[in-house]
Amino acid sequence: DIISVFIERTRIYSTCVVNDETSDNTKFNTAAIAESLNPKYSYTGLINWWLEKNLPILKENNSENKFKRNSFFSQIMNNSGIGGSLDEYLILHTNQTMLTKVGGSIVQTTRRYILSVLIIHSGCLPLCLAQIDVIEKNKANLGIIRPSVILSNVWKACQRIIEHIIRQKQSSGLSYSSICKLFIEKSEFLINLQSSSSSIAVHDSLLALSHEMVQKETLSAIPSESSNDIIQDSNKLISEISDF
């Protein structure tokens, strides 16, 4: 698939980035990527067209990595601030405490990358921020207040992927470092990939829904029948994204 191709060719990025003479920004040279992917054939024009149509992120100006600019995901990655607090809260409520002790720092770094991918492409970032608001208002009762069903599903999906990595390590005899390297590279690619229209639709629905739930200081309740549809749509996205 196209993701695997790009992961295999990840080193060509250094030769495919060109400076824009009119600004300080840089952008990916999709023509150079296409040329690199098919050096022996004359299909590069078609490939370049496909890349620009289907992977618009490759032709956007990027003064810096969007992922690094986002403080929430930086906190998830660094296990700090409100992002780290949310992670710890969901780990507690999804019974994953032991899983955070497996494989050392490389596995935990991989887990946070995968978690970021799931949050971004399931459209549940508004729910994460709303859950943080509820946590901040109820610090004395965190063991009692249940998290959103959708967020629980996101964290459980991440758990299943990490369990897969553990099984892969046990069956192959490879090190965690070599196995996790591929998962991190795929995650970096997906983090910077433009979200699908389905993800954006869920994001917008959750933005409105989470505001209503924050007013009640709980994200575990289902306030309306429409929210059940949102949960189903989000779960479908989570299932699709989890196929690493």
Protein backbone atom coordinates (compact mmCIF):
# COMPACT_ATOMS: atom_id res chain seq x y z
CA ASP A 1 0.00 0.00 0.00
CA ILE A 2 1.04 3.63 -0.40
CA ILE A 3 1.92 4.02 3.29
CA SER A 4 4.34 1.09 3.15
CA VAL A 5 5.92 2.51 0.01
CA PHE A 6 6.49 5.85 1.68
CA ILE A 7 7.85 4.23 4.81
CA GLU A 8 10.32 2.20 2.73
CA ARG A 9 11.39 5.37 0.96
CA THR A 10 11.41 7.62 4.02
CA ARG A 11 15.07 8.52 3.49
CA ILE A 12 14.31 10.14 0.15
CA TYR A 13 12.54 12.98 1.97
CA SER A 14 15.89 14.63 2.54
CA THR A 15 16.41 14.84 -1.22
CA CYS A 16 12.79 15.62 -2.06
CA VAL A 17 12.40 18.76 0.02
CA VAL A 18 12.97 21.95 -1.94
CA ASN A 19 13.16 25.55 -0.75
CA ASP A 20 10.50 27.97 -1.86
CA GLU A 21 12.37 31.02 -3.22
CA THR A 22 9.52 33.34 -2.24
CA SER A 23 9.27 32.37 1.42
CA ASP A 24 11.04 30.72 4.32
CA ASN A 25 8.71 27.71 4.11
CA THR A 26 9.53 24.36 2.52
CA LYS A 27 7.33 21.93 0.67
CA PHE A 28 7.60 18.36 -0.52
CA ASN A 29 8.53 17.97 -4.17
CA THR A 30 5.93 15.43 -5.24
CA ALA A 31 7.47 15.12 -8.69
CA ALA A 32 10.78 14.07 -7.16
CA ILE A 33 9.00 11.56 -4.95
CA ALA A 34 7.21 10.10 -7.95
CA GLU A 35 10.48 9.91 -9.87
CA SER A 36 12.12 8.10 -6.99
CA LEU A 37 9.30 5.61 -6.66
CA ASN A 38 9.44 4.63 -10.35
CA PRO A 39 12.90 5.41 -11.73
CA LYS A 40 12.67 2.97 -14.66
CA TYR A 41 9.29 3.93 -16.05
CA SER A 42 7.57 6.90 -17.64
CA TYR A 43 4.60 6.82 -15.30
CA THR A 44 5.94 9.52 -13.01
CA GLY A 45 3.54 12.16 -14.33
CA LEU A 46 0.57 9.98 -13.47
CA ILE A 47 2.02 9.12 -10.04
CA ASN A 48 2.70 12.78 -9.34
CA TRP A 49 -0.90 13.64 -10.25
CA TRP A 50 -2.18 10.86 -7.95
CA LEU A 51 -0.01 12.02 -5.06
CA GLU A 52 -1.22 15.59 -5.31
CA LYS A 53 -4.87 14.53 -5.55
CA ASN A 54 -4.84 11.90 -2.81
CA LEU A 55 -2.09 13.13 -0.49
CA PRO A 56 -2.45 16.93 -0.52
CA ILE A 57 -0.33 17.18 2.62
CA LEU A 58 2.70 16.50 0.41
CA LYS A 59 2.31 19.75 -1.50
CA GLU A 60 1.36 21.97 1.42
CA ASN A 61 3.88 24.44 2.79
CA ASN A 62 5.25 23.23 6.12
CA SER A 63 7.37 25.70 8.07
CA GLU A 64 7.53 23.10 10.82
CA ASN A 65 5.93 19.82 11.74
CA LYS A 66 2.25 20.42 12.56
CA PHE A 67 2.36 17.67 15.12
CA LYS A 68 5.10 19.43 17.10
CA ARG A 69 3.21 22.72 17.01
CA ASN A 70 0.23 21.22 18.74
CA SER A 71 0.76 21.53 22.48
CA PHE A 72 -1.78 18.85 23.36
CA PHE A 73 -0.04 16.15 21.34
CA SER A 74 3.35 17.34 22.52
CA GLN A 75 2.11 16.79 26.06
CA ILE A 76 0.81 13.34 25.15
CA MET A 77 4.23 12.48 23.71
CA ASN A 78 6.14 13.88 26.69
CA ASN A 79 3.69 12.53 29.28
CA SER A 80 3.33 16.03 30.71
CA GLY A 81 0.71 18.72 31.25
CA ILE A 82 -2.96 18.17 30.53
CA GLY A 83 -2.21 15.66 27.77
CA GLY A 84 -0.24 13.49 30.16
CA SER A 85 -2.95 13.81 32.81
CA LEU A 86 -5.61 12.66 30.35
CA ASP A 87 -3.47 9.68 29.37
CA GLU A 88 -2.98 8.66 32.99
CA TYR A 89 -6.70 9.05 33.67
CA LEU A 90 -7.70 6.83 30.74
CA ILE A 91 -4.99 4.28 31.58
CA LEU A 92 -6.51 4.00 35.05
CA HIS A 93 -10.08 3.60 33.83
CA THR A 94 -9.21 1.09 31.07
CA ASN A 95 -7.06 -1.06 33.38
CA GLN A 96 -3.83 -0.62 31.39
CA THR A 97 -1.46 0.20 34.25
CA MET A 98 0.61 -2.99 33.79
CA LEU A 99 0.87 -2.42 30.05
CA THR A 100 2.68 0.87 30.64
CA LYS A 101 5.52 -1.06 32.29
CA VAL A 102 6.23 -3.39 29.37
CA GLY A 103 9.07 -2.98 26.89
CA GLY A 104 10.75 0.08 28.36
CA SER A 105 10.75 3.59 26.93
CA ILE A 106 10.67 2.54 23.25
CA VAL A 107 7.34 0.72 23.65
CA GLN A 108 5.86 3.58 25.66
CA THR A 109 7.00 6.11 23.06
CA THR A 110 5.41 3.94 20.37
CA ARG A 111 2.20 3.74 22.40
CA ARG A 112 1.97 7.53 22.57
CA TYR A 113 2.58 7.88 18.83
CA ILE A 114 -0.17 5.36 18.10
CA LEU A 115 -2.48 7.04 20.58
CA SER A 116 -1.95 10.37 18.81
CA VAL A 117 -2.83 8.80 15.46
CA LEU A 118 -6.02 7.31 16.88
CA ILE A 119 -7.08 10.61 18.46
CA ILE A 120 -6.44 12.63 15.32
CA HIS A 121 -8.09 10.33 12.78
CA SER A 122 -11.03 9.23 14.94
CA GLY A 123 -12.04 12.87 15.20
CA CYS A 124 -12.18 12.77 19.00
CA LEU A 125 -9.82 15.63 19.85
CA PRO A 126 -12.72 17.86 21.02
CA LEU A 127 -13.77 15.09 23.38
CA CYS A 128 -10.22 14.85 24.75
CA LEU A 129 -10.20 18.55 25.53
CA ALA A 130 -13.67 18.36 27.07
CA GLN A 131 -12.62 15.39 29.20
CA ILE A 132 -9.66 17.39 30.45
CA ASP A 133 -12.03 20.17 31.46
CA VAL A 134 -14.10 17.69 33.47
CA ILE A 135 -10.95 16.25 35.07
CA GLU A 136 -9.74 19.69 36.11
CA LYS A 137 -13.07 20.44 37.78
CA ASN A 138 -13.26 17.09 39.60
CA LYS A 139 -9.71 16.25 40.65
CA ALA A 140 -10.88 14.87 43.99
CA ASN A 141 -13.20 12.32 42.35
CA LEU A 142 -11.24 11.02 39.38
CA GLY A 143 -11.65 7.41 40.47
CA ILE A 144 -15.43 7.79 40.39
CA ILE A 145 -16.02 9.87 37.25
CA ARG A 146 -16.14 7.60 34.24
CA PRO A 147 -14.60 8.71 30.93
CA SER A 148 -16.38 9.00 27.63
CA VAL A 149 -17.16 5.69 25.94
CA ILE A 150 -15.47 6.94 22.79
CA LEU A 151 -12.24 7.84 24.58
CA SER A 152 -12.25 4.50 26.38
CA ASN A 153 -12.52 2.81 22.98
CA VAL A 154 -9.61 4.85 21.64
CA TRP A 155 -7.35 3.88 24.55
CA LYS A 156 -8.42 0.22 24.31
CA ALA A 157 -7.65 0.21 20.60
CA CYS A 158 -4.17 1.52 21.39
CA GLN A 159 -3.84 -1.25 23.97
CA ARG A 160 -4.66 -3.91 21.37
CA ILE A 161 -1.96 -2.59 19.02
CA ILE A 162 0.65 -2.63 21.79
CA GLU A 163 -0.40 -6.18 22.71
CA HIS A 164 0.11 -7.08 19.05
CA ILE A 165 3.63 -5.62 19.21
CA ILE A 166 4.37 -7.69 22.32
CA ARG A 167 3.15 -10.89 20.61
CA GLN A 168 5.16 -10.05 17.51
CA LYS A 169 8.28 -9.63 19.61
CA GLN A 170 7.71 -12.95 21.36
CA SER A 171 7.07 -14.90 18.15
CA SER A 172 9.79 -13.33 16.00
CA GLY A 173 12.61 -12.94 18.50
CA LEU A 174 13.22 -9.42 17.19
CA SER A 175 13.94 -6.58 19.58
CA TYR A 176 11.29 -4.06 20.59
CA SER A 177 13.43 -1.35 18.99
CA SER A 178 13.33 -2.92 15.53
CA ILE A 179 9.60 -3.66 15.71
CA CYS A 180 8.62 -0.30 17.16
CA LYS A 181 10.67 1.60 14.57
CA LEU A 182 8.20 0.70 11.82
CA PHE A 183 5.18 1.58 13.96
CA ILE A 184 6.68 4.96 14.84
CA GLU A 185 7.47 5.72 11.19
CA LYS A 186 3.93 4.81 10.12
CA SER A 187 2.54 6.91 12.96
CA GLU A 188 4.63 9.93 11.96
CA PHE A 189 3.30 9.64 8.43
CA LEU A 190 -0.32 9.30 9.57
CA ILE A 191 -0.07 12.13 12.09
CA ASN A 192 0.77 14.54 9.28
CA LEU A 193 -1.78 13.13 6.86
CA GLN A 194 -4.91 15.16 6.27
CA SER A 195 -7.92 13.71 8.10
CA SER A 196 -10.67 12.07 6.07
CA SER A 197 -14.06 13.67 5.54
CA SER A 198 -15.56 11.05 7.89
CA SER A 199 -13.10 12.02 10.62
CA ILE A 200 -13.85 15.71 10.17
CA ALA A 201 -17.59 15.01 10.39
CA VAL A 202 -17.15 13.11 13.67
CA HIS A 203 -14.88 15.89 14.95
CA ASP A 204 -17.52 18.55 14.28
CA SER A 205 -20.29 16.46 15.86
CA LEU A 206 -18.21 15.78 18.96
CA LEU A 207 -17.35 19.46 19.26
CA ALA A 208 -21.03 20.27 19.74
CA LEU A 209 -21.77 17.20 21.84
CA SER A 210 -18.83 17.63 24.19
CA HIS A 211 -19.90 21.17 25.04
CA GLU A 212 -23.25 19.84 26.21
CA MET A 213 -21.58 17.10 28.22
CA VAL A 214 -19.10 19.45 29.89
CA GLN A 215 -22.00 21.51 31.18
CA LYS A 216 -23.17 18.39 33.01
CA GLU A 217 -19.60 17.72 34.19
CA THR A 218 -19.68 14.18 32.86
CA LEU A 219 -18.68 12.64 29.55
CA SER A 220 -19.87 9.12 30.30
CA ALA A 221 -23.59 9.86 29.90
CA ILE A 222 -25.37 9.60 26.55
CA PRO A 223 -27.54 12.73 26.36
CA SER A 224 -29.36 11.96 23.12
CA GLU A 225 -30.01 9.28 20.51
CA SER A 226 -27.90 11.18 17.99
CA SER A 227 -24.82 10.62 20.17
CA ASN A 228 -25.22 6.87 19.66
CA ASP A 229 -24.73 7.45 15.93
CA ILE A 230 -21.61 9.48 16.66
CA ILE A 231 -20.25 6.66 18.82
CA GLN A 232 -20.86 4.16 16.02
CA ASP A 233 -19.19 6.41 13.44
CA SER A 234 -16.22 6.99 15.75
CA ASN A 235 -15.87 3.28 16.51
CA LYS A 236 -15.83 2.54 12.79
CA LEU A 237 -13.01 5.04 12.29
CA ILE A 238 -11.10 3.63 15.28
CA SER A 239 -11.38 0.13 13.82
CA GLU A 240 -10.09 1.27 10.44
CA ILE A 241 -7.20 3.26 11.89
CA SER A 242 -6.15 0.43 14.21
CA ASP A 243 -5.10 -1.73 11.27
CA PHE A 244 -1.39 -0.98 11.46
